[in-house]
């Protein structure tokens, strides 16, 4: 088995999970060369919610962040998270947009793309995976791990085999809710290793308090790479601490070879950033604890807080337990989708409506109808006929890959936003988040001309000062 490799998540998932993706590029800059010198397998630093958050909250160009990090990180692979046909948005995009996005990500510096689909429908990861390989980068296919009566080790072994046959260079078990228990992880990794020949990576969150123990059993079963976060931004809804895992494996046959003193310097750099986040309330101590409801209801941490805020808005917080009990029922009705963006929102909202209206499926959101129609892909098990009828009546369920129904979009998007175009990547930013990107482009223009952005809003461009 030999050395276990470590993927460090501080630049992406760690701050996404704990401080709502608010780490700025300028806060990353001073520590990049140190991170590069440690000997990590990869630095996960892009994708997920970072793209949206950079534009929306930080007034930063995500592409510029990628190029900047690439300039300072010369030895370590850079990794991103991609939602398959959803790219980094919340709906399916046309193939030409997916292909262009993957190409630009790689040409701007990405080495590894982790590609997942919320429903584990491999048709939705095919285009991204094939483009990644064609462009010469490492295509990692991710299994969205979930628990249900129909999800068994055998289900995941079959899924891994399909991913490998599609050309995946490695496979990640993406345990987004911290549901994977240690001994089951051993069985799962062992099962995958018996049917595929590519490396297996483990990704989890400490939400339920299981992740560090799960990693240990996974490593013993043959996992090759694990995702960890430097200690100031670890635990809670983030990953297990890098230093603790490195110490645990030190001197064993799984030794990571990483130096604790070097890791300590990185931790010392991030410690004051954590303190500041606690002081300003950006880091809520609530997300640092163990949430055992995750295991009881198989509901990820982010979904729990979403349900609370939906109920608060309706002055119905007393219905929280009823909603939590309704979630597994709705999930069963909808064919046991894994609860990850966007399916967690779909199941959650329907559960809230079922309880608040006092009648199941009396009110049905558009997204639930689209989901039942097959517009997000194929559920794990077919949805029962009576549920289909209740939700979409006599409308037809599509069986094709959803993106097959979307015409090419790139040219029309380019035409729509061409007045803001400064780099080809801008077309993609606009494709994913039109309003947010437009606002950012106006801000960028205003910065350049040193004028008030209100003028740019009125399209009154002046010559440079």
Protein backbone atom coordinates (compact mmCIF):
# COMPACT_ATOMS: atom_id res chain seq x y z
CA UNK A 1 0.00 0.00 0.00
CA UNK A 2 2.68 2.50 0.98
CA UNK A 3 2.47 6.20 1.44
CA UNK A 4 -0.93 7.85 1.80
CA UNK A 5 -1.26 11.13 -0.09
CA UNK A 6 -2.94 14.23 1.33
CA UNK A 7 -5.12 16.74 -0.51
CA UNK A 8 -5.28 20.00 1.48
CA UNK A 9 -8.68 21.75 1.38
CA UNK A 10 -7.87 25.05 3.17
CA UNK A 11 -8.13 27.08 -0.04
CA UNK A 12 -11.58 25.73 -0.98
CA UNK A 13 -13.76 23.37 1.05
CA UNK A 14 -12.42 24.28 4.51
CA UNK A 15 -13.37 27.96 4.26
CA UNK A 16 -16.47 27.15 2.20
CA UNK A 17 -17.71 24.88 5.01
CA UNK A 18 -16.83 27.14 7.96
CA UNK A 19 -16.91 30.78 6.84
CA UNK A 20 -19.24 30.70 3.83
CA UNK A 21 -16.40 30.80 1.25
CA UNK A 22 -15.21 34.25 2.33
CA UNK A 23 -11.42 33.72 2.26
CA UNK A 24 -9.97 36.37 -0.09
CA UNK A 25 -7.13 35.80 -2.54
CA UNK A 26 -5.03 38.40 -0.71
CA UNK A 27 -5.37 36.34 2.50
CA UNK A 28 -4.10 33.26 0.65
CA UNK A 29 -1.15 34.94 -1.08
CA UNK A 30 1.41 35.13 1.78
CA UNK A 31 1.16 31.39 2.52
CA UNK A 32 1.00 29.93 -1.00
CA UNK A 33 4.71 29.20 -1.37
CA UNK A 34 4.79 27.50 2.03
CA UNK A 35 1.76 25.36 1.05
CA UNK A 36 3.56 24.48 -2.17
CA UNK A 37 6.70 23.33 -0.32
CA UNK A 38 4.98 20.88 2.07
CA UNK A 39 4.63 17.95 -0.32
CA UNK A 40 0.84 17.72 -0.53
CA UNK A 41 -0.57 15.55 -3.32
CA UNK A 42 -2.87 18.44 -4.31
CA UNK A 43 -4.30 21.75 -3.13
CA UNK A 44 -8.05 21.95 -3.61
CA UNK A 45 -8.49 25.63 -4.29
CA UNK A 46 -11.22 26.30 -6.88
CA UNK A 47 -14.73 25.32 -7.91
CA UNK A 48 -17.54 24.43 -5.52
CA UNK A 49 -18.95 27.71 -4.21
CA UNK A 50 -15.70 29.71 -4.59
CA UNK A 51 -16.60 30.92 -8.08
CA UNK A 52 -20.00 32.33 -7.10
CA UNK A 53 -18.74 33.75 -3.77
CA UNK A 54 -15.74 35.50 -5.37
CA UNK A 55 -17.96 37.39 -7.79
CA UNK A 56 -20.93 37.93 -5.49
CA UNK A 57 -19.34 38.82 -2.14
CA UNK A 58 -15.65 39.58 -2.67
CA UNK A 59 -15.69 41.54 -5.94
CA UNK A 60 -12.96 39.23 -7.20
CA UNK A 61 -12.54 37.60 -10.57
CA UNK A 62 -12.35 33.84 -9.87
CA UNK A 63 -10.24 33.32 -13.00
CA UNK A 64 -7.74 35.87 -11.72
CA UNK A 65 -7.58 33.98 -8.40
CA UNK A 66 -6.78 30.76 -10.25
CA UNK A 67 -4.02 32.41 -12.31
CA UNK A 68 -2.53 34.09 -9.22
CA UNK A 69 -2.40 30.86 -7.22
CA UNK A 70 -0.91 29.01 -10.20
CA UNK A 71 1.84 31.65 -10.42
CA UNK A 72 2.89 30.98 -6.81
CA UNK A 73 2.27 27.23 -6.64
CA UNK A 74 4.81 25.64 -8.95
CA UNK A 75 5.18 22.06 -7.64
CA UNK A 76 1.82 20.98 -6.22
CA UNK A 77 -1.18 19.98 -8.32
CA UNK A 78 -4.14 22.35 -8.22
CA UNK A 79 -7.57 20.77 -7.91
CA UNK A 80 -11.13 21.98 -8.42
CA UNK A 81 -14.64 20.63 -7.77
CA UNK A 82 -17.11 20.58 -10.69
CA UNK A 83 -20.82 19.66 -10.54
CA UNK A 84 -20.81 17.77 -13.86
CA UNK A 85 -23.34 19.19 -16.29
CA UNK A 86 -24.24 21.87 -13.69
CA UNK A 87 -20.62 23.14 -13.86
CA UNK A 88 -20.61 25.46 -10.79
CA UNK A 89 -24.22 26.60 -11.11
CA UNK A 90 -27.51 25.00 -10.09
CA UNK A 91 -28.97 23.84 -13.41
CA UNK A 92 -27.80 21.91 -16.45
CA UNK A 93 -25.87 23.77 -19.14
CA UNK A 94 -25.34 22.92 -22.81
CA UNK A 95 -22.38 20.73 -23.72
CA UNK A 96 -20.54 23.58 -25.47
CA UNK A 97 -20.55 25.60 -22.22
CA UNK A 98 -19.32 22.61 -20.18
CA UNK A 99 -16.53 21.88 -22.68
CA UNK A 100 -15.39 25.50 -22.84
CA UNK A 101 -15.45 25.83 -19.04
CA UNK A 102 -13.31 22.72 -18.56
CA UNK A 103 -10.84 23.84 -21.26
CA UNK A 104 -10.44 27.31 -19.74
CA UNK A 105 -10.06 25.91 -16.21
CA UNK A 106 -7.20 23.71 -17.37
CA UNK A 107 -5.51 26.35 -19.54
CA UNK A 108 -5.62 28.75 -16.56
CA UNK A 109 -3.86 26.26 -14.28
CA UNK A 110 -6.08 23.41 -13.00
CA UNK A 111 -4.44 19.95 -12.92
CA UNK A 112 -7.18 17.78 -11.37
CA UNK A 113 -10.94 18.13 -11.83
CA UNK A 114 -13.18 16.27 -9.39
CA UNK A 115 -16.47 15.74 -11.19
CA UNK A 116 -19.69 14.65 -9.49
CA UNK A 117 -23.40 14.48 -10.17
CA UNK A 118 -25.99 14.92 -7.40
CA UNK A 119 -27.91 11.83 -8.56
CA UNK A 120 -24.82 9.72 -9.41
CA UNK A 121 -26.20 9.69 -12.97
CA UNK A 122 -22.96 9.11 -14.87
CA UNK A 123 -24.48 10.51 -18.08
CA UNK A 124 -24.25 13.92 -16.41
CA UNK A 125 -20.48 13.69 -15.83
CA UNK A 126 -19.51 12.24 -19.24
CA UNK A 127 -18.88 15.48 -21.18
CA UNK A 128 -16.86 17.11 -18.38
CA UNK A 129 -14.84 13.92 -17.85
CA UNK A 130 -14.05 13.38 -21.53
CA UNK A 131 -13.10 17.05 -22.03
CA UNK A 132 -10.80 16.96 -18.97
CA UNK A 133 -8.96 13.97 -20.39
CA UNK A 134 -8.80 15.42 -23.89
CA UNK A 135 -7.20 18.57 -22.45
CA UNK A 136 -4.55 16.49 -20.69
CA UNK A 137 -5.67 16.97 -17.05
CA UNK A 138 -6.55 14.36 -14.41
CA UNK A 139 -10.27 13.47 -14.40
CA UNK A 140 -11.47 12.30 -11.00
CA UNK A 141 -15.02 10.94 -10.88
CA UNK A 142 -16.75 11.33 -7.51
CA UNK A 143 -19.43 9.13 -5.97
CA UNK A 144 -21.97 11.17 -3.98
CA UNK A 145 -22.19 8.91 -0.93
CA UNK A 146 -25.55 8.45 0.73
CA UNK A 147 -27.45 5.96 2.88
CA UNK A 148 -30.78 4.39 1.94
CA UNK A 149 -32.37 0.94 1.70
CA UNK A 150 -31.25 0.78 -1.95
CA UNK A 151 -27.68 2.06 -1.58
CA UNK A 152 -25.37 -0.87 -0.84
CA UNK A 153 -21.63 -1.47 -1.21
CA UNK A 154 -22.57 -3.36 -4.39
CA UNK A 155 -24.39 -0.23 -5.77
CA UNK A 156 -21.19 1.79 -5.33
CA UNK A 157 -18.96 -0.95 -6.77
CA UNK A 158 -21.09 -1.00 -9.94
CA UNK A 159 -20.98 2.81 -10.10
CA UNK A 160 -17.16 2.84 -9.71
CA UNK A 161 -16.80 0.28 -12.52
CA UNK A 162 -18.91 2.46 -14.83
CA UNK A 163 -16.80 5.50 -13.92
CA UNK A 164 -13.54 3.67 -14.61
CA UNK A 165 -14.82 2.41 -17.95
CA UNK A 166 -15.68 6.03 -18.88
CA UNK A 167 -12.01 6.89 -18.38
CA UNK A 168 -11.87 8.21 -14.79
CA UNK A 169 -8.21 8.53 -13.68
CA UNK A 170 -9.20 8.15 -10.00
CA UNK A 171 -12.39 7.80 -7.97
CA UNK A 172 -13.41 9.84 -4.94
CA UNK A 173 -15.89 8.71 -2.30
CA UNK A 174 -17.50 12.08 -1.61
CA UNK A 175 -19.16 11.81 1.81
CA UNK A 176 -20.63 15.31 1.89
CA UNK A 177 -22.77 14.74 5.00
CA UNK A 178 -20.30 12.79 7.15
CA UNK A 179 -22.53 9.70 7.02
CA UNK A 180 -19.93 7.06 6.22
CA UNK A 181 -19.16 5.03 9.35
CA UNK A 182 -15.61 3.66 9.89
CA UNK A 183 -16.23 -0.08 9.43
CA UNK A 184 -18.53 0.47 6.47
CA UNK A 185 -15.79 2.66 4.94
CA UNK A 186 -13.41 -0.29 5.25
CA UNK A 187 -15.89 -2.53 3.44
CA UNK A 188 -16.61 0.10 0.78
CA UNK A 189 -12.97 0.90 -0.01
CA UNK A 190 -12.12 -2.81 -0.06
CA UNK A 191 -15.07 -3.39 -2.41
CA UNK A 192 -14.01 -0.61 -4.79
CA UNK A 193 -10.37 -1.73 -4.77
CA UNK A 194 -11.50 -5.23 -5.79
CA UNK A 195 -13.25 -3.99 -8.97
CA UNK A 196 -11.25 -0.94 -10.15
CA UNK A 197 -7.55 -0.30 -10.70
CA UNK A 198 -7.48 3.48 -10.30
CA UNK A 199 -6.56 5.30 -7.04
CA UNK A 200 -9.33 5.85 -4.45
CA UNK A 201 -9.64 9.17 -2.60
CA UNK A 202 -11.71 9.78 0.55
CA UNK A 203 -13.53 13.05 1.18
CA UNK A 204 -15.64 13.68 4.26
CA UNK A 205 -16.84 16.30 6.75
CA UNK A 206 -16.58 16.08 10.55
CA UNK A 207 -20.27 17.06 10.96
CA UNK A 208 -21.17 13.79 12.69
CA UNK A 209 -17.83 13.31 14.48
CA UNK A 210 -16.96 10.20 12.44
CA UNK A 211 -14.64 11.45 9.71
CA UNK A 212 -11.18 10.97 11.31
CA UNK A 213 -12.00 7.40 12.36
CA UNK A 214 -13.54 6.75 8.96
CA UNK A 215 -10.34 7.94 7.25
CA UNK A 216 -8.23 5.60 9.36
CA UNK A 217 -10.32 2.54 8.47
CA UNK A 218 -10.43 3.65 4.82
CA UNK A 219 -6.65 3.93 4.71
CA UNK A 220 -6.30 0.47 6.25
CA UNK A 221 -8.56 -0.86 3.49
CA UNK A 222 -6.33 0.68 0.80
CA UNK A 223 -7.50 4.26 0.19
CA UNK A 224 -4.69 6.12 -1.59
CA UNK A 225 -5.51 9.79 -0.96
CA UNK A 226 -7.44 11.64 1.78
CA UNK A 227 -8.80 15.18 2.03
CA UNK A 228 -7.85 17.13 5.16
CA UNK A 229 -7.89 20.76 6.32
CA UNK A 230 -5.16 22.60 8.21
CA UNK A 231 -6.25 22.70 11.89
CA UNK A 232 -7.52 26.31 12.33
CA UNK A 233 -10.11 25.59 9.62
CA UNK A 234 -10.80 21.93 10.36
CA UNK A 235 -13.49 19.90 12.16
CA UNK A 236 -17.17 20.76 12.52
CA UNK A 237 -18.64 21.01 9.04
CA UNK A 238 -15.10 21.05 7.56
CA UNK A 239 -12.61 18.18 7.10
CA UNK A 240 -10.48 16.41 9.77
CA UNK A 241 -7.26 18.29 10.70
CA UNK A 242 -4.26 17.68 8.44
CA UNK A 243 -1.77 17.63 11.34
CA UNK A 244 -3.72 15.03 13.35
CA UNK A 245 -4.03 12.68 10.38
CA UNK A 246 -0.34 13.12 9.49
CA UNK A 247 0.62 12.35 13.14
CA UNK A 248 -1.66 9.32 13.23
CA UNK A 249 -0.02 7.76 10.17
CA UNK A 250 3.57 8.79 11.02
CA UNK A 251 5.97 5.89 11.42
CA UNK A 252 3.47 3.38 9.96
CA UNK A 253 3.44 1.87 6.49
CA UNK A 254 0.93 4.58 5.55
CA UNK A 255 3.27 7.46 6.56
CA UNK A 256 2.36 10.57 4.52
CA UNK A 257 5.93 11.89 4.59
CA UNK A 258 4.64 15.39 5.45
CA UNK A 259 6.58 17.43 7.98
CA UNK A 260 4.67 18.54 11.09
CA UNK A 261 6.86 21.62 11.60
CA UNK A 262 6.03 22.89 8.13
CA UNK A 263 2.32 22.21 8.76
CA UNK A 264 2.58 24.04 12.05
CA UNK A 265 3.85 27.17 10.28
CA UNK A 266 0.81 27.04 7.99
CA UNK A 267 -1.51 26.59 10.97
CA UNK A 268 0.11 29.60 12.69
CA UNK A 269 -0.58 31.68 9.61
CA UNK A 270 -4.29 30.76 9.52
CA UNK A 271 -4.88 30.98 13.31
CA UNK A 272 -5.37 34.80 13.41
CA UNK A 273 -7.66 34.61 10.34
CA UNK A 274 -9.80 32.14 12.27
CA UNK A 275 -9.81 34.39 15.37
CA UNK A 276 -10.94 37.34 13.29
CA UNK A 277 -13.73 35.24 11.72
CA UNK A 278 -14.92 34.26 15.21
CA UNK A 279 -14.87 37.89 16.39
CA UNK A 280 -16.84 39.18 13.40
CA UNK A 281 -19.34 36.32 13.60
CA UNK A 282 -18.33 35.01 10.17
CA UNK A 283 -17.37 31.76 11.91
CA UNK A 284 -20.36 30.60 13.93
CA UNK A 285 -19.30 28.31 16.82
CA UNK A 286 -22.45 26.25 16.04
CA UNK A 287 -20.82 24.77 12.93
CA UNK A 288 -17.88 23.53 15.00
CA UNK A 289 -19.83 21.05 17.11
CA UNK A 290 -20.98 17.51 16.36
CA UNK A 291 -24.46 17.32 14.86
CA UNK A 292 -25.84 13.86 15.46
CA UNK A 293 -29.16 14.67 13.70
CA UNK A 294 -27.09 14.22 10.53
CA UNK A 295 -26.91 10.50 11.26
CA UNK A 296 -30.52 10.17 12.40
CA UNK A 297 -32.08 11.88 9.38
CA UNK A 298 -29.22 11.64 6.84
CA UNK A 299 -29.53 15.39 6.40
CA UNK A 300 -26.30 17.35 5.68
CA UNK A 301 -25.46 20.30 7.97
CA UNK A 302 -26.14 22.98 5.33
CA UNK A 303 -29.56 21.51 4.61
CA UNK A 304 -30.45 21.57 8.34
CA UNK A 305 -29.75 25.31 8.56
CA UNK A 306 -31.74 25.89 5.33
CA UNK A 307 -34.78 24.14 6.80
CA UNK A 308 -34.52 26.23 9.97
CA UNK A 309 -34.45 29.50 8.01
CA UNK A 310 -37.39 28.44 5.78
CA UNK A 311 -39.47 27.62 8.87
CA UNK A 312 -38.43 30.84 10.66
CA UNK A 313 -39.71 32.88 7.71
CA UNK A 314 -43.09 31.19 8.09
CA UNK A 315 -43.10 31.53 11.92
CA UNK A 316 -43.30 27.73 12.06
CA UNK A 317 -40.12 26.70 13.86
CA UNK A 318 -42.24 24.46 16.11
CA UNK A 319 -42.76 22.22 13.05
CA UNK A 320 -39.00 21.49 12.71
CA UNK A 321 -39.20 17.91 14.01
CA UNK A 322 -42.20 17.14 11.79
CA UNK A 323 -40.26 18.41 8.77
CA UNK A 324 -37.20 16.32 9.70
CA UNK A 325 -39.41 13.22 9.82
CA UNK A 326 -40.97 14.16 6.48
CA UNK A 327 -37.58 14.45 4.70
CA UNK A 328 -36.92 10.66 4.53
CA UNK A 329 -40.50 10.08 3.30
CA UNK A 330 -40.18 12.63 0.47
CA UNK A 331 -36.76 11.24 -0.36
CA UNK A 332 -38.23 7.74 -0.68
CA UNK A 333 -41.06 9.09 -2.88
CA UNK A 334 -38.46 10.71 -5.16
CA UNK A 335 -36.38 7.56 -5.64
CA UNK A 336 -33.78 8.07 -2.87
CA UNK A 337 -31.63 10.89 -4.33
CA UNK A 338 -28.39 11.65 -2.42
CA UNK A 339 -28.92 14.89 -0.47
CA UNK A 340 -26.43 17.26 -2.08
CA UNK A 341 -26.87 20.48 -4.10
CA UNK A 342 -29.40 20.78 -5.78
CA UNK A 343 -31.38 17.68 -4.65
CA UNK A 344 -31.09 18.61 -0.95
CA UNK A 345 -32.94 21.88 -1.68
CA UNK A 346 -35.56 20.07 -3.79
CA UNK A 347 -36.34 17.47 -1.11
CA UNK A 348 -36.12 20.01 1.73
CA UNK A 349 -38.52 22.56 0.23
CA UNK A 350 -41.12 19.90 -0.63
CA UNK A 351 -40.90 18.50 2.92
CA UNK A 352 -41.50 21.97 4.39
CA UNK A 353 -44.52 22.55 2.10
CA UNK A 354 -46.01 19.13 2.92
CA UNK A 355 -45.95 19.92 6.64
CA UNK A 356 -47.02 23.58 6.43
CA UNK A 357 -50.00 22.97 4.12
CA UNK A 358 -51.05 19.95 6.16
CA UNK A 359 -51.44 17.90 2.98
CA UNK A 360 -48.70 16.02 1.12
CA UNK A 361 -48.00 17.42 -2.37
CA UNK A 362 -50.79 19.99 -2.19
CA UNK A 363 -48.22 22.61 -3.25
CA UNK A 364 -45.42 21.50 -5.56
CA UNK A 365 -42.48 23.76 -6.55
CA UNK A 366 -41.37 23.93 -10.20
CA UNK A 367 -38.02 22.25 -9.32
CA UNK A 368 -39.80 19.19 -7.89
CA UNK A 369 -41.86 18.83 -11.08
CA UNK A 370 -38.72 19.19 -13.22
CA UNK A 371 -36.94 16.59 -11.09
CA UNK A 372 -39.81 14.07 -11.43
CA UNK A 373 -39.87 14.76 -15.19
CA UNK A 374 -36.23 13.59 -15.35
CA UNK A 375 -34.74 17.02 -16.05
CA UNK A 376 -32.01 16.51 -13.43
CA UNK A 377 -31.22 12.92 -14.44
CA UNK A 378 -32.21 9.45 -13.34
CA UNK A 379 -33.07 8.74 -9.67
CA UNK A 380 -31.46 5.75 -7.93
CA UNK A 381 -34.71 3.77 -8.15
CA UNK A 382 -37.67 4.55 -10.42
CA UNK A 383 -40.30 6.84 -8.89
CA UNK A 384 -43.62 5.08 -8.26
CA UNK A 385 -46.35 5.66 -10.82
CA UNK A 386 -48.81 7.18 -8.30
CA UNK A 387 -46.21 9.75 -7.16
CA UNK A 388 -45.45 10.71 -10.77
CA UNK A 389 -49.17 11.17 -11.41
CA UNK A 390 -49.63 13.25 -8.26
CA UNK A 391 -46.72 15.55 -9.14
CA UNK A 392 -46.83 15.97 -12.94
CA UNK A 393 -50.19 14.46 -13.93
CA UNK A 394 -50.05 13.08 -17.48
CA UNK A 395 -46.83 14.87 -18.48
CA UNK A 396 -44.14 12.64 -19.96
CA UNK A 397 -41.01 11.65 -18.08
CA UNK A 398 -37.87 12.07 -20.20
CA UNK A 399 -35.41 9.18 -20.33
CA UNK A 400 -32.64 10.91 -22.30
CA UNK A 401 -29.69 12.73 -20.73
CA UNK A 402 -31.15 16.13 -19.74
CA UNK A 403 -28.44 18.12 -21.56
CA UNK A 404 -29.40 16.40 -24.85
CA UNK A 405 -32.43 18.69 -24.83
CA UNK A 406 -30.36 21.90 -24.50
CA UNK A 407 -29.19 23.65 -27.67
CA UNK A 408 -25.67 25.13 -27.79
CA UNK A 409 -25.59 28.30 -25.67
CA UNK A 410 -22.09 29.74 -25.91
CA UNK A 411 -22.56 32.00 -28.95
CA UNK A 412 -25.82 33.59 -27.77
CA UNK A 413 -24.37 34.16 -24.27
CA UNK A 414 -21.30 35.81 -25.82
CA UNK A 415 -23.52 38.11 -27.91
CA UNK A 416 -25.60 39.00 -24.87
CA UNK A 417 -22.66 40.17 -22.75
CA UNK A 418 -20.13 41.32 -25.36
CA UNK A 419 -20.07 44.94 -24.14
CA UNK A 420 -18.39 43.73 -20.93
CA UNK A 421 -15.94 41.33 -22.59
CA UNK A 422 -12.32 41.76 -21.47
CA UNK A 423 -11.23 38.12 -21.56
CA UNK A 424 -12.86 35.00 -23.03
CA UNK A 425 -13.38 33.67 -19.49
CA UNK A 426 -15.90 36.47 -18.86
CA UNK A 427 -18.36 34.68 -21.17
CA UNK A 428 -18.30 31.69 -18.80
CA UNK A 429 -18.69 33.79 -15.65
CA UNK A 430 -21.74 35.37 -17.26
CA UNK A 431 -23.09 32.00 -18.46
CA UNK A 432 -23.15 30.68 -14.88
CA UNK A 433 -24.24 33.76 -12.93
CA UNK A 434 -25.59 36.43 -15.33
CA UNK A 435 -26.79 39.06 -12.81
CA UNK A 436 -23.89 38.55 -10.40
CA UNK A 437 -21.29 38.64 -13.20
CA UNK A 438 -22.81 41.74 -14.78
CA UNK A 439 -22.63 43.56 -11.46
CA UNK A 440 -19.00 42.49 -11.08
CA UNK A 441 -18.13 43.62 -14.65
CA UNK A 442 -19.57 47.07 -13.87
CA UNK A 443 -17.57 47.23 -10.67
CA UNK A 444 -14.41 46.21 -12.57
CA UNK A 445 -15.05 48.90 -15.17
CA UNK A 446 -15.57 51.53 -12.48
CA UNK A 447 -12.31 50.54 -10.78
CA UNK A 448 -10.46 50.90 -14.04
CA UNK A 449 -11.80 54.34 -14.84
CA UNK A 450 -11.67 55.45 -11.19
CA UNK A 451 -15.26 56.61 -11.43
CA UNK A 452 -18.36 55.94 -9.41
CA UNK A 453 -19.98 52.66 -10.43
CA UNK A 454 -23.36 54.41 -10.58
CA UNK A 455 -22.17 56.09 -13.77
CA UNK A 456 -21.20 52.78 -15.28
CA UNK A 457 -24.67 51.52 -14.40
CA UNK A 458 -25.99 54.29 -16.59
CA UNK A 459 -23.53 53.16 -19.30
CA UNK A 460 -21.79 56.57 -19.22
CA UNK A 461 -18.26 55.45 -19.90
CA UNK A 462 -15.62 58.15 -19.65
CA UNK A 463 -12.09 57.94 -20.93
CA UNK A 464 -9.44 56.75 -18.50
CA UNK A 465 -8.29 59.37 -16.02
